[in-house]
C-alpha cells in the first residue's frame, strides 16, 4: 500500500473514534437531560452515516478492499498502528 492509503486508513480510524466520542457524550446526558441526549445521539448517527458514505467512496477511489482488512481488529489501537506502519499480518 502506498503512504497515501495509510493516511486514508488512519483518517478512517480517527473518524470512527470521533463517532464513538459523540455517542459517549450523548450517553453522559441520558439520566440528567434526556432531550439533549437524544439530540446528541441523532447528531452522532447522522455523522456516522456521513462518515460511512465518504469512506465508502474513498475505499472505491483508492481501491481499498475493506473485506481484506479486519475492521474489528483495527479498532484496537495497537493493530491500527501496525497497519499504518505497514507491519500488519492477517494472522496476528
PDB file of N, CA and C in Angstrom:
ATOM      1  N   UNK A   1       0.830  -1.189   0.000  1.00  0.00           N
ATOM      2  CA  UNK A   1       0.000   0.000   0.000  1.00  0.00           C
ATOM      3  C   UNK A   1       0.873   1.250   0.000  1.00  0.00           C
ATOM      4  N   UNK A   2       0.360   2.249  -0.568  1.00  0.00           N
ATOM      5  CA  UNK A   2       1.111   3.494  -0.620  1.00  0.00           C
ATOM      6  C   UNK A   2       0.903   4.295   0.668  1.00  0.00           C
ATOM      7  N   UNK A   3       1.758   5.263   0.854  1.00  0.00           N
ATOM      8  CA  UNK A   3       1.655   6.146   2.019  1.00  0.00           C
ATOM      9  C   UNK A   3       0.309   6.858   2.050  1.00  0.00           C
ATOM     10  N   UNK A   4      -0.197   7.187   0.880  1.00  0.00           N
ATOM     11  CA  UNK A   4      -1.489   7.879   0.802  1.00  0.00           C
ATOM     12  C   UNK A   4      -2.621   6.999   1.349  1.00  0.00           C
ATOM     13  N   UNK A   5      -2.576   5.713   1.056  1.00  0.00           N
ATOM     14  CA  UNK A   5      -3.596   4.798   1.569  1.00  0.00           C
ATOM     15  C   UNK A   5      -3.479   4.664   3.080  1.00  0.00           C
ATOM     16  N   UNK A   6      -2.258   4.645   3.602  1.00  0.00           N
ATOM     17  CA  UNK A   6      -2.083   4.606   5.060  1.00  0.00           C
ATOM     18  C   UNK A   6      -2.749   5.823   5.705  1.00  0.00           C
ATOM     19  N   UNK A   7      -2.587   6.976   5.073  1.00  0.00           N
ATOM     20  CA  UNK A   7      -3.207   8.195   5.602  1.00  0.00           C
ATOM     21  C   UNK A   7      -4.729   8.098   5.569  1.00  0.00           C
ATOM     22  N   UNK A   8      -5.265   7.522   4.505  1.00  0.00           N
ATOM     23  CA  UNK A   8      -6.714   7.345   4.397  1.00  0.00           C
ATOM     24  C   UNK A   8      -7.205   6.419   5.512  1.00  0.00           C
ATOM     25  N   UNK A   9      -6.523   5.302   5.716  1.00  0.00           N
ATOM     26  CA  UNK A   9      -6.921   4.365   6.768  1.00  0.00           C
ATOM     27  C   UNK A   9      -6.813   4.998   8.150  1.00  0.00           C
ATOM     28  N   UNK A  10      -5.783   5.799   8.351  1.00  0.00           N
ATOM     29  CA  UNK A  10      -5.619   6.500   9.625  1.00  0.00           C
ATOM     30  C   UNK A  10      -6.778   7.461   9.849  1.00  0.00           C
ATOM     31  N   UNK A  11      -7.151   8.205   8.818  1.00  0.00           N
ATOM     32  CA  UNK A  11      -8.260   9.138   8.924  1.00  0.00           C
ATOM     33  C   UNK A  11      -9.575   8.395   9.175  1.00  0.00           C
ATOM     34  N   UNK A  12      -9.746   7.250   8.533  1.00  0.00           N
ATOM     35  CA  UNK A  12     -10.960   6.452   8.756  1.00  0.00           C
ATOM     36  C   UNK A  12     -11.065   6.041  10.217  1.00  0.00           C
ATOM     37  N   UNK A  13      -9.967   5.597  10.785  1.00  0.00           N
ATOM     38  CA  UNK A  13      -9.966   5.206  12.198  1.00  0.00           C
ATOM     39  C   UNK A  13     -10.280   6.404  13.088  1.00  0.00           C
ATOM     40  N   UNK A  14      -9.689   7.545  12.789  1.00  0.00           N
ATOM     41  CA  UNK A  14      -9.959   8.760  13.565  1.00  0.00           C
ATOM     42  C   UNK A  14     -11.436   9.148  13.476  1.00  0.00           C
ATOM     43  N   UNK A  15     -12.002   9.021  12.290  1.00  0.00           N
ATOM     44  CA  UNK A  15     -13.421   9.347  12.112  1.00  0.00           C
ATOM     45  C   UNK A  15     -14.298   8.466  12.995  1.00  0.00           C
ATOM     46  N   UNK A  16     -14.017   7.167  13.038  1.00  0.00           N
ATOM     47  CA  UNK A  16     -14.839   6.263  13.855  1.00  0.00           C
ATOM     48  C   UNK A  16     -14.597   6.473  15.340  1.00  0.00           C
ATOM     49  N   UNK A  17     -13.396   6.902  15.697  1.00  0.00           N
ATOM     50  CA  UNK A  17     -13.162   7.268  17.098  1.00  0.00           C
ATOM     51  C   UNK A  17     -14.004   8.490  17.470  1.00  0.00           C
ATOM     52  N   UNK A  18     -14.152   9.424  16.537  1.00  0.00           N
ATOM     53  CA  UNK A  18     -14.992  10.600  16.774  1.00  0.00           C
ATOM     54  C   UNK A  18     -16.456  10.189  16.935  1.00  0.00           C
ATOM     55  N   UNK A  19     -16.912   9.262  16.123  1.00  0.00           N
ATOM     56  CA  UNK A  19     -18.282   8.754  16.263  1.00  0.00           C
ATOM     57  C   UNK A  19     -18.480   8.174  17.660  1.00  0.00           C
ATOM     58  N   UNK A  20     -17.523   7.388  18.123  1.00  0.00           N
ATOM     59  CA  UNK A  20     -17.617   6.797  19.461  1.00  0.00           C
ATOM     60  C   UNK A  20     -17.643   7.879  20.539  1.00  0.00           C
ATOM     61  N   UNK A  21     -16.841   8.920  20.371  1.00  0.00           N
ATOM     62  CA  UNK A  21     -16.828  10.025  21.336  1.00  0.00           C
ATOM     63  C   UNK A  21     -18.173  10.743  21.370  1.00  0.00           C
ATOM     64  N   UNK A  22     -18.770  10.959  20.196  1.00  0.00           N
ATOM     65  CA  UNK A  22     -20.076  11.609  20.135  1.00  0.00           C
ATOM     66  C   UNK A  22     -21.140  10.758  20.828  1.00  0.00           C
ATOM     67  N   UNK A  23     -21.099   9.470  20.588  1.00  0.00           N
ATOM     68  CA  UNK A  23     -22.046   8.561  21.232  1.00  0.00           C
ATOM     69  C   UNK A  23     -21.875   8.582  22.743  1.00  0.00           C
ATOM     70  N   UNK A  24     -20.632   8.542  23.200  1.00  0.00           N
ATOM     71  CA  UNK A  24     -20.364   8.565  24.642  1.00  0.00           C
ATOM     72  C   UNK A  24     -20.837   9.876  25.274  1.00  0.00           C
ATOM     73  N   UNK A  25     -20.650  10.977  24.570  1.00  0.00           N
ATOM     74  CA  UNK A  25     -21.120  12.270  25.062  1.00  0.00           C
ATOM     75  C   UNK A  25     -22.638  12.258  25.208  1.00  0.00           C
ATOM     76  N   UNK A  26     -23.315  11.698  24.227  1.00  0.00           N
ATOM     77  CA  UNK A  26     -24.777  11.602  24.299  1.00  0.00           C
ATOM     78  C   UNK A  26     -25.213  10.762  25.492  1.00  0.00           C
ATOM     79  N   UNK A  27     -24.517   9.680  25.739  1.00  0.00           N
ATOM     80  CA  UNK A  27     -24.875   8.803  26.854  1.00  0.00           C
ATOM     81  C   UNK A  27     -24.651   9.460  28.211  1.00  0.00           C
ATOM     82  N   UNK A  28     -23.727  10.412  28.282  1.00  0.00           N
ATOM     83  CA  UNK A  28     -23.475  11.123  29.541  1.00  0.00           C
ATOM     84  C   UNK A  28     -24.698  11.899  30.007  1.00  0.00           C
ATOM     85  N   UNK A  29     -25.522  12.333  29.060  1.00  0.00           N
ATOM     86  CA  UNK A  29     -26.690  13.137  29.395  1.00  0.00           C
ATOM     87  C   UNK A  29     -27.970  12.306  29.549  1.00  0.00           C
ATOM     88  N   UNK A  30     -27.864  11.011  29.382  1.00  0.00           N
ATOM     89  CA  UNK A  30     -29.051  10.154  29.377  1.00  0.00           C
ATOM     90  C   UNK A  30     -29.914  10.320  30.626  1.00  0.00           C
ATOM     91  N   UNK A  31     -29.308  10.365  31.794  1.00  0.00           N
ATOM     92  CA  UNK A  31     -30.071  10.442  33.046  1.00  0.00           C
ATOM     93  C   UNK A  31     -30.393  11.873  33.473  1.00  0.00           C
ATOM     94  N   UNK A  32     -29.599  12.843  33.037  1.00  0.00           N
ATOM     95  CA  UNK A  32     -29.786  14.218  33.515  1.00  0.00           C
ATOM     96  C   UNK A  32     -30.550  15.111  32.540  1.00  0.00           C
ATOM     97  N   UNK A  33     -30.370  14.899  31.248  1.00  0.00           N
ATOM     98  CA  UNK A  33     -31.036  15.721  30.236  1.00  0.00           C
ATOM     99  C   UNK A  33     -31.324  14.836  29.027  1.00  0.00           C
ATOM    100  N   UNK A  34     -32.415  14.093  29.137  1.00  0.00           N
ATOM    101  CA  UNK A  34     -32.736  13.089  28.123  1.00  0.00           C
ATOM    102  C   UNK A  34     -32.891  13.707  26.739  1.00  0.00           C
ATOM    103  N   UNK A  35     -33.524  14.865  26.646  1.00  0.00           N
ATOM    104  CA  UNK A  35     -33.708  15.515  25.341  1.00  0.00           C
ATOM    105  C   UNK A  35     -32.361  15.840  24.695  1.00  0.00           C
ATOM    106  N   UNK A  36     -31.449  16.366  25.495  1.00  0.00           N
ATOM    107  CA  UNK A  36     -30.106  16.671  24.968  1.00  0.00           C
ATOM    108  C   UNK A  36     -29.405  15.380  24.539  1.00  0.00           C
ATOM    109  N   UNK A  37     -29.591  14.319  25.309  1.00  0.00           N
ATOM    110  CA  UNK A  37     -29.010  13.029  24.970  1.00  0.00           C
ATOM    111  C   UNK A  37     -29.508  12.544  23.613  1.00  0.00           C
ATOM    112  N   UNK A  38     -30.819  12.667  23.398  1.00  0.00           N
ATOM    113  CA  UNK A  38     -31.411  12.249  22.125  1.00  0.00           C
ATOM    114  C   UNK A  38     -30.872  13.093  20.971  1.00  0.00           C
ATOM    115  N   UNK A  39     -30.785  14.404  21.166  1.00  0.00           N
ATOM    116  CA  UNK A  39     -30.266  15.287  20.121  1.00  0.00           C
ATOM    117  C   UNK A  39     -28.825  14.953  19.774  1.00  0.00           C
ATOM    118  N   UNK A  40     -28.015  14.710  20.775  1.00  0.00           N
ATOM    119  CA  UNK A  40     -26.614  14.354  20.530  1.00  0.00           C
ATOM    120  C   UNK A  40     -26.499  12.992  19.848  1.00  0.00           C
ATOM    121  N   UNK A  41     -27.353  12.053  20.235  1.00  0.00           N
ATOM    122  CA  UNK A  41     -27.320  10.731  19.616  1.00  0.00           C
ATOM    123  C   UNK A  41     -27.752  10.821  18.149  1.00  0.00           C
ATOM    124  N   UNK A  42     -28.740  11.662  17.866  1.00  0.00           N
ATOM    125  CA  UNK A  42     -29.155  11.869  16.471  1.00  0.00           C
ATOM    126  C   UNK A  42     -28.018  12.480  15.656  1.00  0.00           C
ATOM    127  N   UNK A  43     -27.316  13.443  16.257  1.00  0.00           N
ATOM    128  CA  UNK A  43     -26.172  14.039  15.570  1.00  0.00           C
ATOM    129  C   UNK A  43     -25.092  12.987  15.322  1.00  0.00           C
ATOM    130  N   UNK A  44     -24.824  12.158  16.326  1.00  0.00           N
ATOM    131  CA  UNK A  44     -23.822  11.095  16.180  1.00  0.00           C
ATOM    132  C   UNK A  44     -24.214  10.139  15.053  1.00  0.00           C
ATOM    133  N   UNK A  45     -25.498   9.822  14.969  1.00  0.00           N
ATOM    134  CA  UNK A  45     -25.989   8.926  13.919  1.00  0.00           C
ATOM    135  C   UNK A  45     -25.791   9.549  12.535  1.00  0.00           C
ATOM    136  N   UNK A  46     -26.167  10.804  12.398  1.00  0.00           N
ATOM    137  CA  UNK A  46     -26.007  11.489  11.112  1.00  0.00           C
ATOM    138  C   UNK A  46     -24.530  11.588  10.742  1.00  0.00           C
ATOM    139  N   UNK A  47     -23.698  11.896  11.731  1.00  0.00           N
ATOM    140  CA  UNK A  47     -22.260  11.983  11.492  1.00  0.00           C
ATOM    141  C   UNK A  47     -21.711  10.622  11.049  1.00  0.00           C
ATOM    142  N   UNK A  48     -22.134   9.550  11.728  1.00  0.00           N
ATOM    143  CA  UNK A  48     -21.678   8.201  11.385  1.00  0.00           C
ATOM    144  C   UNK A  48     -22.108   7.817   9.968  1.00  0.00           C
ATOM    145  N   UNK A  49     -23.330   8.147   9.611  1.00  0.00           N
ATOM    146  CA  UNK A  49     -23.808   7.849   8.255  1.00  0.00           C
ATOM    147  C   UNK A  49     -23.002   8.616   7.210  1.00  0.00           C
ATOM    148  N   UNK A  50     -22.698   9.865   7.506  1.00  0.00           N
ATOM    149  CA  UNK A  50     -21.900  10.682   6.594  1.00  0.00           C
ATOM    150  C   UNK A  50     -20.495  10.105   6.451  1.00  0.00           C
ATOM    151  N   UNK A  51     -19.892   9.735   7.569  1.00  0.00           N
ATOM    152  CA  UNK A  51     -18.558   9.114   7.554  1.00  0.00           C
ATOM    153  C   UNK A  51     -18.580   7.849   6.702  1.00  0.00           C
ATOM    154  N   UNK A  52     -19.595   7.017   6.894  1.00  0.00           N
ATOM    155  CA  UNK A  52     -19.683   5.760   6.145  1.00  0.00           C
ATOM    156  C   UNK A  52     -19.765   6.013   4.640  1.00  0.00           C
ATOM    157  N   UNK A  53     -20.553   7.010   4.240  1.00  0.00           N
ATOM    158  CA  UNK A  53     -20.687   7.331   2.819  1.00  0.00           C
ATOM    159  C   UNK A  53     -19.362   7.828   2.251  1.00  0.00           C
ATOM    160  N   UNK A  54     -18.725   8.737   2.962  1.00  0.00           N
ATOM    161  CA  UNK A  54     -17.440   9.284   2.498  1.00  0.00           C
ATOM    162  C   UNK A  54     -16.388   8.184   2.423  1.00  0.00           C
ATOM    163  N   UNK A  55     -16.323   7.358   3.459  1.00  0.00           N
ATOM    164  CA  UNK A  55     -15.306   6.309   3.482  1.00  0.00           C
ATOM    165  C   UNK A  55     -15.548   5.255   2.403  1.00  0.00           C
ATOM    166  N   UNK A  56     -16.799   4.975   2.105  1.00  0.00           N
ATOM    167  CA  UNK A  56     -17.097   4.035   1.022  1.00  0.00           C
ATOM    168  C   UNK A  56     -16.537   4.580  -0.297  1.00  0.00           C
ATOM    169  N   UNK A  57     -16.734   5.865  -0.528  1.00  0.00           N
ATOM    170  CA  UNK A  57     -16.197   6.489  -1.733  1.00  0.00           C
ATOM    171  C   UNK A  57     -14.682   6.463  -1.773  1.00  0.00           C
ATOM    172  N   UNK A  58     -14.060   6.714  -0.627  1.00  0.00           N
ATOM    173  CA  UNK A  58     -12.590   6.688  -0.574  1.00  0.00           C
ATOM    174  C   UNK A  58     -12.057   5.271  -0.781  1.00  0.00           C
ATOM    175  N   UNK A  59     -12.724   4.277  -0.214  1.00  0.00           N
ATOM    176  CA  UNK A  59     -12.284   2.895  -0.428  1.00  0.00           C
ATOM    177  C   UNK A  59     -12.365   2.543  -1.911  1.00  0.00           C
ATOM    178  N   UNK A  60     -13.422   2.999  -2.574  1.00  0.00           N
ATOM    179  CA  UNK A  60     -13.557   2.772  -4.011  1.00  0.00           C
ATOM    180  C   UNK A  60     -12.470   3.518  -4.773  1.00  0.00           C
ATOM    181  N   UNK A  61     -12.272   4.788  -4.433  1.00  0.00           N
ATOM    182  CA  UNK A  61     -11.298   5.627  -5.127  1.00  0.00           C
ATOM    183  C   UNK A  61      -9.883   5.067  -5.013  1.00  0.00           C
ATOM    184  N   UNK A  62      -9.508   4.625  -3.811  1.00  0.00           N
ATOM    185  CA  UNK A  62      -8.150   4.125  -3.579  1.00  0.00           C
ATOM    186  C   UNK A  62      -8.051   2.617  -3.750  1.00  0.00           C
ATOM    187  N   UNK A  63      -9.151   1.984  -4.177  1.00  0.00           N
ATOM    188  CA  UNK A  63      -9.175   0.544  -4.402  1.00  0.00           C
ATOM    189  C   UNK A  63      -8.760  -0.228  -3.145  1.00  0.00           C
ATOM    190  N   UNK A  64      -9.316   0.199  -2.019  1.00  0.00           N
ATOM    191  CA  UNK A  64      -9.041  -0.471  -0.752  1.00  0.00           C
ATOM    192  C   UNK A  64     -10.124  -1.523  -0.559  1.00  0.00           C
ATOM    193  N   UNK A  65      -9.725  -2.762  -0.499  1.00  0.00           N
ATOM    194  CA  UNK A  65     -10.675  -3.850  -0.315  1.00  0.00           C
ATOM    195  C   UNK A  65     -10.962  -3.987   1.170  1.00  0.00           C
ATOM    196  N   UNK A  66     -12.113  -3.464   1.597  1.00  0.00           N
ATOM    197  CA  UNK A  66     -12.434  -3.485   3.027  1.00  0.00           C
ATOM    198  C   UNK A  66     -12.568  -4.905   3.553  1.00  0.00           C
ATOM    199  N   UNK A  67     -12.892  -5.863   2.692  1.00  0.00           N
ATOM    200  CA  UNK A  67     -13.001  -7.246   3.145  1.00  0.00           C
ATOM    201  C   UNK A  67     -11.637  -7.807   3.528  1.00  0.00           C
ATOM    202  N   UNK A  68     -10.575  -7.238   2.976  1.00  0.00           N
ATOM    203  CA  UNK A  68      -9.238  -7.737   3.270  1.00  0.00           C
ATOM    204  C   UNK A  68      -8.693  -7.192   4.580  1.00  0.00           C
ATOM    205  N   UNK A  69      -9.352  -6.208   5.137  1.00  0.00           N
ATOM    206  CA  UNK A  69      -8.892  -5.601   6.377  1.00  0.00           C
ATOM    207  C   UNK A  69      -9.882  -5.956   7.477  1.00  0.00           C
ATOM    208  N   UNK A  70      -9.404  -6.555   8.531  1.00  0.00           N
ATOM    209  CA  UNK A  70     -10.275  -6.928   9.643  1.00  0.00           C
ATOM    210  C   UNK A  70     -10.571  -5.681  10.461  1.00  0.00           C
ATOM    211  N   UNK A  71     -11.714  -5.042  10.189  1.00  0.00           N
ATOM    212  CA  UNK A  71     -12.036  -3.765  10.814  1.00  0.00           C
ATOM    213  C   UNK A  71     -12.235  -3.876  12.314  1.00  0.00           C
ATOM    214  N   UNK A  72     -12.689  -5.011  12.783  1.00  0.00           N
ATOM    215  CA  UNK A  72     -12.862  -5.192  14.221  1.00  0.00           C
ATOM    216  C   UNK A  72     -11.508  -5.140  14.908  1.00  0.00           C
ATOM    217  N   UNK A  73     -10.541  -5.802  14.343  1.00  0.00           N
ATOM    218  CA  UNK A  73      -9.204  -5.801  14.932  1.00  0.00           C
ATOM    219  C   UNK A  73      -8.546  -4.429  14.807  1.00  0.00           C
ATOM    220  N   UNK A  74      -8.857  -3.710  13.733  1.00  0.00           N
ATOM    221  CA  UNK A  74      -8.283  -2.380  13.553  1.00  0.00           C
ATOM    222  C   UNK A  74      -8.752  -1.411  14.616  1.00  0.00           C
ATOM    223  N   UNK A  75      -9.890  -1.704  15.221  1.00  0.00           N
ATOM    224  CA  UNK A  75     -10.418  -0.817  16.244  1.00  0.00           C
ATOM    225  C   UNK A  75      -9.499  -0.735  17.445  1.00  0.00           C
ATOM    226  N   UNK A  76      -8.694  -1.729  17.631  1.00  0.00           N
ATOM    227  CA  UNK A  76      -7.743  -1.709  18.744  1.00  0.00           C
ATOM    228  C   UNK A  76      -6.525  -0.881  18.324  1.00  0.00           C
ATOM    229  N   UNK A  77      -6.109  -0.031  19.190  1.00  0.00           N
ATOM    230  CA  UNK A  77      -5.050   0.928  18.874  1.00  0.00           C
ATOM    231  C   UNK A  77      -3.773   0.274  18.335  1.00  0.00           C
ATOM    232  N   UNK A  78      -3.309  -0.781  18.941  1.00  0.00           N
ATOM    233  CA  UNK A  78      -2.064  -1.404  18.506  1.00  0.00           C
ATOM    234  C   UNK A  78      -2.179  -1.950  17.094  1.00  0.00           C
ATOM    235  N   UNK A  79      -3.298  -2.569  16.794  1.00  0.00           N
ATOM    236  CA  UNK A  79      -3.479  -3.114  15.453  1.00  0.00           C
ATOM    237  C   UNK A  79      -3.499  -1.986  14.427  1.00  0.00           C
ATOM    238  N   UNK A  80      -4.181  -0.894  14.754  1.00  0.00           N
ATOM    239  CA  UNK A  80      -4.254   0.232  13.824  1.00  0.00           C
ATOM    240  C   UNK A  80      -2.863   0.793  13.557  1.00  0.00           C
ATOM    241  N   UNK A  81      -2.071   0.937  14.596  1.00  0.00           N
ATOM    242  CA  UNK A  81      -0.707   1.453  14.415  1.00  0.00           C
ATOM    243  C   UNK A  81       0.099   0.543  13.491  1.00  0.00           C
ATOM    244  N   UNK A  82      -0.064  -0.762  13.675  1.00  0.00           N
ATOM    245  CA  UNK A  82       0.690  -1.705  12.853  1.00  0.00           C
ATOM    246  C   UNK A  82       0.272  -1.613  11.390  1.00  0.00           C
ATOM    247  N   UNK A  83      -1.015  -1.423  11.131  1.00  0.00           N
ATOM    248  CA  UNK A  83      -1.480  -1.278   9.751  1.00  0.00           C
ATOM    249  C   UNK A  83      -0.854  -0.041   9.127  1.00  0.00           C
ATOM    250  N   UNK A  84      -0.901   1.052   9.870  1.00  0.00           N
ATOM    251  CA  UNK A  84      -0.392   2.308   9.331  1.00  0.00           C
ATOM    252  C   UNK A  84       1.111   2.274   9.109  1.00  0.00           C
ATOM    253  N   UNK A  85       1.791   1.436   9.856  1.00  0.00           N
ATOM    254  CA  UNK A  85       3.241   1.310   9.687  1.00  0.00           C
ATOM    255  C   UNK A  85       3.590   0.226   8.663  1.00  0.00           C
ATOM    256  N   UNK A  86       2.557  -0.401   8.086  1.00  0.00           N
ATOM    257  CA  UNK A  86       2.797  -1.432   7.075  1.00  0.00           C
ATOM    258  C   UNK A  86       3.298  -2.736   7.662  1.00  0.00           C
ATOM    259  N   UNK A  87       3.028  -2.969   8.937  1.00  0.00           N
ATOM    260  CA  UNK A  87       3.511  -4.195   9.571  1.00  0.00           C
ATOM    261  C   UNK A  87       2.354  -5.109   9.987  1.00  0.00           C
ATOM    262  N   UNK A  88       1.233  -5.014   9.281  1.00  0.00           N
ATOM    263  CA  UNK A  88       0.063  -5.793   9.656  1.00  0.00           C
ATOM    264  C   UNK A  88       0.143  -7.171   9.026  1.00  0.00           C
ATOM    265  N   UNK A  89      -0.185  -8.167   9.805  1.00  0.00           N
ATOM    266  CA  UNK A  89      -0.228  -9.539   9.331  1.00  0.00           C
ATOM    267  C   UNK A  89      -1.600 -10.075   9.687  1.00  0.00           C
ATOM    268  N   UNK A  90      -2.311 -10.606   8.732  1.00  0.00           N
ATOM    269  CA  UNK A  90      -3.693 -11.061   8.953  1.00  0.00           C
ATOM    270  C   UNK A  90      -3.804 -12.112  10.042  1.00  0.00           C
ATOM    271  N   UNK A  91      -2.713 -12.785  10.359  1.00  0.00           N
ATOM    272  CA  UNK A  91      -2.757 -13.835  11.379  1.00  0.00           C
ATOM    273  C   UNK A  91      -2.497 -13.331  12.776  1.00  0.00           C
ATOM    274  N   UNK A  92      -2.147 -12.049  12.933  1.00  0.00           N
ATOM    275  CA  UNK A  92      -1.854 -11.522  14.271  1.00  0.00           C
ATOM    276  C   UNK A  92      -2.997 -10.720  14.811  1.00  0.00           C
TER     277      UNK A  92
END
